Amino acid sequence: MTDLPPCPVCRQENTYPDGGLLICPDCGHEWSADAPSQAVADDDDRLVVKDAHGNLLADGDSVVLIKDLRLKGSSTVIKGGTKIRGIRLVSGDHEVDCKVDGMSIMLKAQYLKKA
């Protein structure tokens, strides 16, 4: 296996080289392979996300929905009590990126509790 650095934006390790660039297929970020590595961020740069009960969430945690959620743009409803494994924290309007029943969705942490 090659020793490529993880993505400095989403911290996923699924990067690959393309010419003089490194590319992250998960978030689409491209950066120069010659640039200094930003693989490990300082504690000040860490994203702080808390669930509905104030517990800190981290990448890879398992969470449970606390209420039924209707997905925007579809008639699909995700039932409260659904367990979601392997979440990924992202910055933006919705803090949690995950997969539920094979669908990739983004959720707000206020509707989740740590399992």
N, C-alpha and C. Protein backbone atom coordinates (compact mmCIF):
# COMPACT_ATOMS: atom_id res chain seq x y z
N MET A 1 0.82 -1.17 0.00
CA MET A 1 0.00 0.00 0.00
C MET A 1 0.88 1.25 0.00
N THR A 2 0.43 2.29 -0.69
CA THR A 2 1.22 3.51 -0.74
C THR A 2 1.02 4.33 0.52
N ASP A 3 1.92 5.25 0.72
CA ASP A 3 1.89 6.08 1.92
C ASP A 3 1.39 7.47 1.59
N LEU A 4 0.17 7.57 1.07
CA LEU A 4 -0.40 8.86 0.72
C LEU A 4 -1.05 9.49 1.95
N PRO A 5 -0.94 10.80 2.10
CA PRO A 5 -1.56 11.46 3.26
C PRO A 5 -3.08 11.50 3.11
N PRO A 6 -3.80 11.53 4.23
CA PRO A 6 -5.26 11.67 4.16
C PRO A 6 -5.64 13.07 3.69
N CYS A 7 -6.87 13.22 3.28
CA CYS A 7 -7.38 14.51 2.81
C CYS A 7 -7.34 15.53 3.94
N PRO A 8 -6.81 16.75 3.70
CA PRO A 8 -6.78 17.75 4.75
C PRO A 8 -8.14 18.36 5.05
N VAL A 9 -9.13 18.17 4.18
CA VAL A 9 -10.46 18.74 4.39
C VAL A 9 -11.35 17.78 5.18
N CYS A 10 -11.52 16.55 4.65
CA CYS A 10 -12.45 15.62 5.29
C CYS A 10 -11.74 14.53 6.11
N ARG A 11 -10.42 14.47 6.02
CA ARG A 11 -9.58 13.53 6.78
C ARG A 11 -9.80 12.06 6.40
N GLN A 12 -10.41 11.80 5.24
CA GLN A 12 -10.56 10.43 4.76
C GLN A 12 -9.24 9.98 4.15
N GLU A 13 -8.93 8.71 4.23
CA GLU A 13 -7.66 8.19 3.75
C GLU A 13 -7.76 7.59 2.35
N ASN A 14 -8.84 7.84 1.65
CA ASN A 14 -9.08 7.27 0.33
C ASN A 14 -8.57 8.20 -0.77
N THR A 15 -7.33 8.68 -0.66
CA THR A 15 -6.77 9.62 -1.63
C THR A 15 -5.99 8.87 -2.71
N TYR A 16 -5.84 9.53 -3.86
CA TYR A 16 -5.05 8.94 -4.93
C TYR A 16 -4.32 10.04 -5.69
N PRO A 17 -3.16 9.70 -6.31
CA PRO A 17 -2.40 10.70 -7.06
C PRO A 17 -2.92 10.83 -8.48
N ASP A 18 -2.83 12.05 -9.01
CA ASP A 18 -3.19 12.32 -10.41
C ASP A 18 -2.22 13.38 -10.92
N GLY A 19 -1.16 12.94 -11.57
CA GLY A 19 -0.12 13.87 -12.00
C GLY A 19 0.60 14.41 -10.78
N GLY A 20 0.63 15.74 -10.64
CA GLY A 20 1.26 16.38 -9.49
C GLY A 20 0.30 16.67 -8.37
N LEU A 21 -0.96 16.22 -8.50
CA LEU A 21 -1.98 16.50 -7.48
C LEU A 21 -2.37 15.24 -6.74
N LEU A 22 -2.88 15.43 -5.53
CA LEU A 22 -3.53 14.36 -4.78
C LEU A 22 -5.02 14.70 -4.76
N ILE A 23 -5.87 13.69 -4.92
CA ILE A 23 -7.31 13.92 -5.02
C ILE A 23 -8.03 13.05 -4.00
N CYS A 24 -9.04 13.64 -3.37
CA CYS A 24 -9.90 12.91 -2.44
C CYS A 24 -11.24 12.65 -3.15
N PRO A 25 -11.57 11.39 -3.43
CA PRO A 25 -12.83 11.10 -4.10
C PRO A 25 -14.05 11.30 -3.20
N ASP A 26 -13.85 11.34 -1.88
CA ASP A 26 -14.97 11.49 -0.96
C ASP A 26 -15.54 12.91 -0.96
N CYS A 27 -14.65 13.92 -0.92
CA CYS A 27 -15.12 15.31 -0.87
C CYS A 27 -14.77 16.10 -2.13
N GLY A 28 -13.90 15.53 -3.00
CA GLY A 28 -13.54 16.20 -4.24
C GLY A 28 -12.41 17.20 -4.10
N HIS A 29 -11.79 17.28 -2.94
CA HIS A 29 -10.70 18.24 -2.72
C HIS A 29 -9.45 17.80 -3.47
N GLU A 30 -8.76 18.76 -4.11
CA GLU A 30 -7.50 18.50 -4.79
C GLU A 30 -6.43 19.40 -4.19
N TRP A 31 -5.22 18.85 -3.99
CA TRP A 31 -4.13 19.65 -3.46
C TRP A 31 -2.82 19.13 -4.03
N SER A 32 -1.81 19.97 -3.96
CA SER A 32 -0.51 19.65 -4.52
C SER A 32 0.20 18.63 -3.66
N ALA A 33 0.81 17.66 -4.31
CA ALA A 33 1.55 16.63 -3.58
C ALA A 33 2.82 17.21 -2.96
N ASP A 34 3.30 18.35 -3.51
CA ASP A 34 4.51 18.99 -3.00
C ASP A 34 4.24 19.89 -1.80
N ALA A 35 2.97 20.20 -1.55
CA ALA A 35 2.61 21.10 -0.44
C ALA A 35 2.89 20.40 0.89
N PRO A 36 3.18 21.18 1.93
CA PRO A 36 3.38 20.56 3.24
C PRO A 36 2.11 19.84 3.69
N SER A 37 2.31 18.74 4.35
CA SER A 37 1.18 17.92 4.78
C SER A 37 0.39 18.60 5.90
N GLN A 38 -0.93 18.59 5.73
CA GLN A 38 -1.83 19.12 6.76
C GLN A 38 -2.69 17.98 7.28
N ALA A 39 -2.17 16.77 7.24
CA ALA A 39 -2.96 15.59 7.55
C ALA A 39 -3.52 15.60 8.96
N VAL A 40 -2.72 16.02 9.91
CA VAL A 40 -3.17 16.03 11.30
C VAL A 40 -3.43 17.47 11.69
N ALA A 41 -4.67 17.78 11.97
CA ALA A 41 -5.04 19.14 12.33
C ALA A 41 -4.79 19.36 13.82
N ASP A 42 -4.59 20.61 14.20
CA ASP A 42 -4.44 20.94 15.60
C ASP A 42 -5.77 20.75 16.31
N ASP A 43 -5.73 20.69 17.63
CA ASP A 43 -6.96 20.55 18.40
C ASP A 43 -7.87 21.76 18.21
N ASP A 44 -7.29 22.93 17.89
CA ASP A 44 -8.10 24.13 17.69
C ASP A 44 -8.95 24.03 16.43
N ASP A 45 -8.50 23.26 15.44
CA ASP A 45 -9.21 23.12 14.17
C ASP A 45 -10.27 22.02 14.21
N ARG A 46 -10.32 21.28 15.27
CA ARG A 46 -11.27 20.17 15.36
C ARG A 46 -12.71 20.68 15.38
N LEU A 47 -13.57 19.93 14.73
CA LEU A 47 -14.98 20.26 14.67
C LEU A 47 -15.65 19.73 15.95
N VAL A 48 -16.34 20.60 16.67
CA VAL A 48 -17.02 20.21 17.90
C VAL A 48 -18.52 20.11 17.60
N VAL A 49 -19.04 18.88 17.66
CA VAL A 49 -20.45 18.63 17.38
C VAL A 49 -21.02 17.88 18.57
N LYS A 50 -22.15 18.37 19.08
CA LYS A 50 -22.81 17.73 20.21
C LYS A 50 -24.18 17.22 19.78
N ASP A 51 -24.57 16.08 20.37
CA ASP A 51 -25.88 15.52 20.06
C ASP A 51 -26.98 16.25 20.83
N ALA A 52 -28.20 15.76 20.76
CA ALA A 52 -29.33 16.40 21.40
C ALA A 52 -29.21 16.47 22.92
N HIS A 53 -28.40 15.60 23.51
CA HIS A 53 -28.23 15.56 24.97
C HIS A 53 -26.91 16.17 25.42
N GLY A 54 -26.17 16.79 24.50
CA GLY A 54 -24.93 17.46 24.87
C GLY A 54 -23.69 16.60 24.85
N ASN A 55 -23.79 15.35 24.40
CA ASN A 55 -22.63 14.47 24.30
C ASN A 55 -21.83 14.81 23.06
N LEU A 56 -20.49 14.79 23.16
CA LEU A 56 -19.65 15.06 22.01
C LEU A 56 -19.69 13.90 21.04
N LEU A 57 -19.81 14.21 19.75
CA LEU A 57 -19.78 13.20 18.70
C LEU A 57 -18.43 13.23 18.01
N ALA A 58 -18.02 12.07 17.50
CA ALA A 58 -16.75 11.95 16.77
C ALA A 58 -16.99 11.11 15.52
N ASP A 59 -16.07 11.22 14.57
CA ASP A 59 -16.15 10.39 13.36
C ASP A 59 -16.18 8.92 13.74
N GLY A 60 -17.07 8.16 13.10
CA GLY A 60 -17.15 6.73 13.35
C GLY A 60 -18.11 6.34 14.46
N ASP A 61 -18.67 7.30 15.18
CA ASP A 61 -19.61 6.98 16.25
C ASP A 61 -20.90 6.38 15.70
N SER A 62 -21.64 5.71 16.56
CA SER A 62 -22.98 5.23 16.24
C SER A 62 -23.97 6.13 16.96
N VAL A 63 -25.05 6.48 16.27
CA VAL A 63 -26.06 7.35 16.84
C VAL A 63 -27.45 6.78 16.57
N VAL A 64 -28.44 7.31 17.30
CA VAL A 64 -29.83 6.90 17.15
C VAL A 64 -30.66 8.15 16.91
N LEU A 65 -31.58 8.08 15.95
CA LEU A 65 -32.49 9.20 15.70
C LEU A 65 -33.47 9.33 16.86
N ILE A 66 -33.77 10.55 17.29
CA ILE A 66 -34.68 10.74 18.41
C ILE A 66 -36.11 11.04 17.95
N LYS A 67 -36.31 11.28 16.64
CA LYS A 67 -37.66 11.52 16.13
C LYS A 67 -37.72 11.14 14.66
N ASP A 68 -38.92 10.96 14.13
CA ASP A 68 -39.08 10.67 12.71
C ASP A 68 -38.65 11.88 11.90
N LEU A 69 -37.93 11.63 10.81
CA LEU A 69 -37.47 12.71 9.95
C LEU A 69 -37.90 12.44 8.52
N ARG A 70 -38.53 13.41 7.89
CA ARG A 70 -38.90 13.33 6.49
C ARG A 70 -37.77 13.92 5.67
N LEU A 71 -37.32 13.20 4.66
CA LEU A 71 -36.23 13.68 3.82
C LEU A 71 -36.76 14.70 2.82
N LYS A 72 -36.06 15.81 2.71
CA LYS A 72 -36.46 16.85 1.77
C LYS A 72 -36.40 16.32 0.35
N GLY A 73 -37.41 16.65 -0.44
CA GLY A 73 -37.42 16.28 -1.84
C GLY A 73 -37.86 14.85 -2.11
N SER A 74 -38.29 14.14 -1.09
CA SER A 74 -38.79 12.78 -1.32
C SER A 74 -39.88 12.48 -0.29
N SER A 75 -40.54 11.37 -0.50
CA SER A 75 -41.60 10.97 0.43
C SER A 75 -41.08 10.01 1.49
N THR A 76 -39.79 9.80 1.52
CA THR A 76 -39.16 8.87 2.46
C THR A 76 -39.13 9.45 3.87
N VAL A 77 -39.46 8.62 4.84
CA VAL A 77 -39.39 9.00 6.26
C VAL A 77 -38.45 8.03 6.95
N ILE A 78 -37.52 8.58 7.73
CA ILE A 78 -36.64 7.75 8.55
C ILE A 78 -37.20 7.76 9.96
N LYS A 79 -37.52 6.60 10.46
CA LYS A 79 -38.20 6.47 11.74
C LYS A 79 -37.28 6.77 12.92
N GLY A 80 -37.86 7.35 13.97
CA GLY A 80 -37.13 7.57 15.21
C GLY A 80 -36.72 6.23 15.79
N GLY A 81 -35.54 6.17 16.39
CA GLY A 81 -35.03 4.93 16.94
C GLY A 81 -34.13 4.19 15.97
N THR A 82 -34.01 4.69 14.73
CA THR A 82 -33.13 4.07 13.75
C THR A 82 -31.68 4.28 14.17
N LYS A 83 -30.91 3.18 14.22
CA LYS A 83 -29.50 3.28 14.59
C LYS A 83 -28.67 3.50 13.34
N ILE A 84 -27.77 4.47 13.42
CA ILE A 84 -26.90 4.82 12.30
C ILE A 84 -25.47 4.61 12.76
N ARG A 85 -24.71 3.82 12.00
CA ARG A 85 -23.33 3.49 12.37
C ARG A 85 -22.35 4.24 11.47
N GLY A 86 -21.20 4.54 12.00
CA GLY A 86 -20.11 5.10 11.21
C GLY A 86 -20.38 6.48 10.66
N ILE A 87 -20.78 7.40 11.51
CA ILE A 87 -21.05 8.76 11.04
C ILE A 87 -19.75 9.48 10.71
N ARG A 88 -19.88 10.55 9.92
CA ARG A 88 -18.74 11.41 9.60
C ARG A 88 -19.17 12.84 9.86
N LEU A 89 -18.37 13.57 10.62
CA LEU A 89 -18.67 14.95 10.94
C LEU A 89 -18.18 15.86 9.83
N VAL A 90 -19.03 16.81 9.44
CA VAL A 90 -18.69 17.77 8.39
C VAL A 90 -19.10 19.15 8.88
N SER A 91 -18.49 20.16 8.30
CA SER A 91 -18.89 21.52 8.65
C SER A 91 -19.98 21.96 7.68
N GLY A 92 -20.79 22.88 8.12
CA GLY A 92 -21.88 23.37 7.28
C GLY A 92 -23.19 23.37 8.01
N ASP A 93 -24.26 23.47 7.25
CA ASP A 93 -25.60 23.53 7.82
C ASP A 93 -25.98 22.23 8.54
N HIS A 94 -25.64 21.10 7.96
CA HIS A 94 -25.88 19.79 8.55
C HIS A 94 -24.54 19.23 8.99
N GLU A 95 -24.45 18.82 10.25
CA GLU A 95 -23.15 18.46 10.83
C GLU A 95 -22.74 17.02 10.60
N VAL A 96 -23.70 16.13 10.29
CA VAL A 96 -23.42 14.70 10.23
C VAL A 96 -23.71 14.15 8.84
N ASP A 97 -22.74 13.45 8.27
CA ASP A 97 -22.88 12.79 6.98
C ASP A 97 -22.90 11.29 7.26
N CYS A 98 -23.90 10.57 6.73
CA CYS A 98 -24.01 9.15 7.04
C CYS A 98 -24.80 8.43 5.96
N LYS A 99 -24.93 7.12 6.13
CA LYS A 99 -25.75 6.31 5.23
C LYS A 99 -26.84 5.64 6.04
N VAL A 100 -28.08 5.72 5.53
CA VAL A 100 -29.22 5.07 6.15
C VAL A 100 -29.92 4.29 5.05
N ASP A 101 -30.05 2.99 5.24
CA ASP A 101 -30.69 2.11 4.25
C ASP A 101 -30.08 2.28 2.86
N GLY A 102 -28.77 2.45 2.79
CA GLY A 102 -28.08 2.57 1.52
C GLY A 102 -28.12 3.95 0.89
N MET A 103 -28.80 4.91 1.52
CA MET A 103 -28.87 6.28 1.01
C MET A 103 -27.90 7.16 1.79
N SER A 104 -27.12 7.96 1.07
CA SER A 104 -26.25 8.92 1.74
C SER A 104 -27.06 10.16 2.08
N ILE A 105 -27.06 10.52 3.36
CA ILE A 105 -27.83 11.69 3.78
C ILE A 105 -27.00 12.52 4.76
N MET A 106 -27.43 13.76 4.94
CA MET A 106 -26.81 14.64 5.92
C MET A 106 -27.88 14.99 6.95
N LEU A 107 -27.49 14.94 8.22
CA LEU A 107 -28.43 15.19 9.31
C LEU A 107 -27.89 16.26 10.24
N LYS A 108 -28.81 16.91 10.93
CA LYS A 108 -28.43 17.85 11.98
C LYS A 108 -28.26 17.06 13.27
N ALA A 109 -27.26 17.42 14.05
CA ALA A 109 -26.95 16.69 15.27
C ALA A 109 -28.04 16.84 16.33
N GLN A 110 -28.87 17.85 16.22
CA GLN A 110 -29.93 18.06 17.23
C GLN A 110 -30.99 16.96 17.20
N TYR A 111 -31.02 16.15 16.14
CA TYR A 111 -31.98 15.05 16.04
C TYR A 111 -31.35 13.69 16.34
N LEU A 112 -30.13 13.69 16.90
CA LEU A 112 -29.41 12.45 17.15
C LEU A 112 -29.02 12.33 18.61
N LYS A 113 -28.89 11.11 19.08
CA LYS A 113 -28.27 10.88 20.38
C LYS A 113 -27.23 9.79 20.21
N LYS A 114 -26.15 9.91 20.95
CA LYS A 114 -25.04 8.96 20.86
C LYS A 114 -25.48 7.61 21.38
N ALA A 115 -25.16 6.55 20.62
CA ALA A 115 -25.58 5.19 21.02
C ALA A 115 -24.54 4.56 21.93
